[in-house]
Amino acid sequence: MTRLIVTIAVFVVIGLPMVGYLWETLNGVLALRSSWQQVGIAIPVLAVFLVLLFLLARTIERWNDGASSRAGRAGGGSHG
């Protein structure tokens, strides 16, 4: 359980500033007051953020698979 909390906290601490920067950039672009430099920085930030989301999804799938396999072993056999 501790590992779960630490992992989620790491994803939040890393991802939250990225979301803030991307949100501010998008807001500036839509208001037509954003600089090209800000947009240029936002592109790699978006790429890193998408990789982070991909890693988070894979981590959650592994947790889910691990929990399912533990529940299957605890159940004592297959049902159906």
C-alpha atoms as a PDB file:
ATOM      1  CA  MET A   1       0.000   0.000   0.000  1.00  0.00           C
ATOM      2  CA  THR A   2       2.870   2.355   0.758  1.00  0.00           C
ATOM      3  CA  ARG A   3       4.348   1.732  -2.686  1.00  0.00           C
ATOM      4  CA  LEU A   4       1.008   2.642  -4.280  1.00  0.00           C
ATOM      5  CA  ILE A   5       0.798   5.933  -2.387  1.00  0.00           C
ATOM      6  CA  VAL A   6       4.413   6.873  -3.145  1.00  0.00           C
ATOM      7  CA  THR A   7       4.032   6.057  -6.848  1.00  0.00           C
ATOM      8  CA  ILE A   8       0.859   8.117  -7.208  1.00  0.00           C
ATOM      9  CA  ALA A   9       2.462  10.989  -5.289  1.00  0.00           C
ATOM     10  CA  VAL A  10       5.479  10.950  -7.629  1.00  0.00           C
ATOM     11  CA  PHE A  11       3.227  11.039 -10.701  1.00  0.00           C
ATOM     12  CA  VAL A  12       1.240  13.947  -9.232  1.00  0.00           C
ATOM     13  CA  VAL A  13       4.320  15.932  -8.190  1.00  0.00           C
ATOM     14  CA  ILE A  14       5.900  15.533 -11.632  1.00  0.00           C
ATOM     15  CA  GLY A  15       2.702  15.913 -13.656  1.00  0.00           C
ATOM     16  CA  LEU A  16       0.997  18.808 -11.912  1.00  0.00           C
ATOM     17  CA  PRO A  17       3.462  21.525 -13.007  1.00  0.00           C
ATOM     18  CA  MET A  18       3.280  20.169 -16.562  1.00  0.00           C
ATOM     19  CA  VAL A  19      -0.501  20.399 -16.557  1.00  0.00           C
ATOM     20  CA  GLY A  20      -0.275  23.957 -15.228  1.00  0.00           C
ATOM     21  CA  TYR A  21       2.195  25.030 -17.914  1.00  0.00           C
ATOM     22  CA  LEU A  22       0.221  23.360 -20.707  1.00  0.00           C
ATOM     23  CA  TRP A  23      -3.024  24.884 -19.426  1.00  0.00           C
ATOM     24  CA  GLU A  24      -1.519  28.370 -19.279  1.00  0.00           C
ATOM     25  CA  THR A  25      -0.048  27.969 -22.768  1.00  0.00           C
ATOM     26  CA  LEU A  26      -3.352  26.783 -24.205  1.00  0.00           C
ATOM     27  CA  ASN A  27      -5.133  29.655 -22.485  1.00  0.00           C
ATOM     28  CA  GLY A  28      -2.619  32.108 -23.989  1.00  0.00           C
ATOM     29  CA  VAL A  29      -2.926  30.613 -27.470  1.00  0.00           C
ATOM     30  CA  LEU A  30      -6.721  30.795 -27.374  1.00  0.00           C
ATOM     31  CA  ALA A  31      -6.542  34.403 -26.135  1.00  0.00           C
ATOM     32  CA  LEU A  32      -4.003  35.214 -28.901  1.00  0.00           C
ATOM     33  CA  ARG A  33      -1.477  36.494 -26.363  1.00  0.00           C
ATOM     34  CA  SER A  34       1.016  33.627 -26.282  1.00  0.00           C
ATOM     35  CA  SER A  35       4.582  33.888 -27.553  1.00  0.00           C
ATOM     36  CA  TRP A  36       6.189  31.449 -29.966  1.00  0.00           C
ATOM     37  CA  GLN A  37       8.779  30.674 -27.308  1.00  0.00           C
ATOM     38  CA  GLN A  38       6.075  29.585 -24.868  1.00  0.00           C
ATOM     39  CA  VAL A  39       4.455  27.393 -27.520  1.00  0.00           C
ATOM     40  CA  GLY A  40       7.852  25.976 -28.470  1.00  0.00           C
ATOM     41  CA  ILE A  41       8.501  24.967 -24.870  1.00  0.00           C
ATOM     42  CA  ALA A  42       4.999  23.513 -24.544  1.00  0.00           C
ATOM     43  CA  ILE A  43       5.546  20.971 -27.337  1.00  0.00           C
ATOM     44  CA  PRO A  44       8.278  18.953 -25.568  1.00  0.00           C
ATOM     45  CA  VAL A  45       6.463  19.404 -22.242  1.00  0.00           C
ATOM     46  CA  LEU A  46       3.377  17.867 -23.864  1.00  0.00           C
ATOM     47  CA  ALA A  47       5.470  14.969 -25.192  1.00  0.00           C
ATOM     48  CA  VAL A  48       6.952  14.285 -21.745  1.00  0.00           C
ATOM     49  CA  PHE A  49       3.504  14.562 -20.166  1.00  0.00           C
ATOM     50  CA  LEU A  50       2.059  12.032 -22.628  1.00  0.00           C
ATOM     51  CA  VAL A  51       4.908   9.626 -21.844  1.00  0.00           C
ATOM     52  CA  LEU A  52       4.183  10.132 -18.151  1.00  0.00           C
ATOM     53  CA  LEU A  53       0.500   9.308 -18.719  1.00  0.00           C
ATOM     54  CA  PHE A  54       1.480   6.200 -20.684  1.00  0.00           C
ATOM     55  CA  LEU A  55       3.742   5.049 -17.847  1.00  0.00           C
ATOM     56  CA  LEU A  56       0.998   5.726 -15.310  1.00  0.00           C
ATOM     57  CA  ALA A  57      -1.473   3.666 -17.347  1.00  0.00           C
ATOM     58  CA  ARG A  58       0.999   0.762 -17.583  1.00  0.00           C
ATOM     59  CA  THR A  59       1.661   0.954 -13.843  1.00  0.00           C
ATOM     60  CA  ILE A  60      -2.058   0.835 -13.059  1.00  0.00           C
ATOM     61  CA  GLU A  61      -2.514  -2.123 -15.429  1.00  0.00           C
ATOM     62  CA  ARG A  62       0.297  -3.991 -13.656  1.00  0.00           C
ATOM     63  CA  TRP A  63      -1.304  -3.286 -10.273  1.00  0.00           C
ATOM     64  CA  ASN A  64      -4.639  -4.498 -11.604  1.00  0.00           C
ATOM     65  CA  ASP A  65      -3.113  -7.654 -13.111  1.00  0.00           C
ATOM     66  CA  GLY A  66      -1.260  -8.363  -9.875  1.00  0.00           C
ATOM     67  CA  ALA A  67      -4.409  -7.894  -7.823  1.00  0.00           C
ATOM     68  CA  SER A  68      -6.378 -10.137 -10.185  1.00  0.00           C
ATOM     69  CA  SER A  69      -3.794 -12.904 -10.035  1.00  0.00           C
ATOM     70  CA  ARG A  70      -3.639 -12.705  -6.236  1.00  0.00           C
ATOM     71  CA  ALA A  71      -7.443 -12.853  -6.059  1.00  0.00           C
ATOM     72  CA  GLY A  72      -7.468 -15.843  -8.415  1.00  0.00           C
ATOM     73  CA  ARG A  73      -4.963 -17.741  -6.260  1.00  0.00           C
ATOM     74  CA  ALA A  74      -6.886 -16.876  -3.112  1.00  0.00           C
ATOM     75  CA  GLY A  75     -10.139 -18.110  -4.692  1.00  0.00           C
ATOM     76  CA  GLY A  76      -8.825 -21.661  -4.936  1.00  0.00           C
ATOM     77  CA  GLY A  77      -9.547 -22.352  -8.584  1.00  0.00           C
ATOM     78  CA  SER A  78     -11.452 -21.360 -11.647  1.00  0.00           C
ATOM     79  CA  HIS A  79     -15.151 -20.724 -11.703  1.00  0.00           C
ATOM     80  CA  GLY A  80     -17.357 -21.032 -14.691  1.00  0.00           C
END
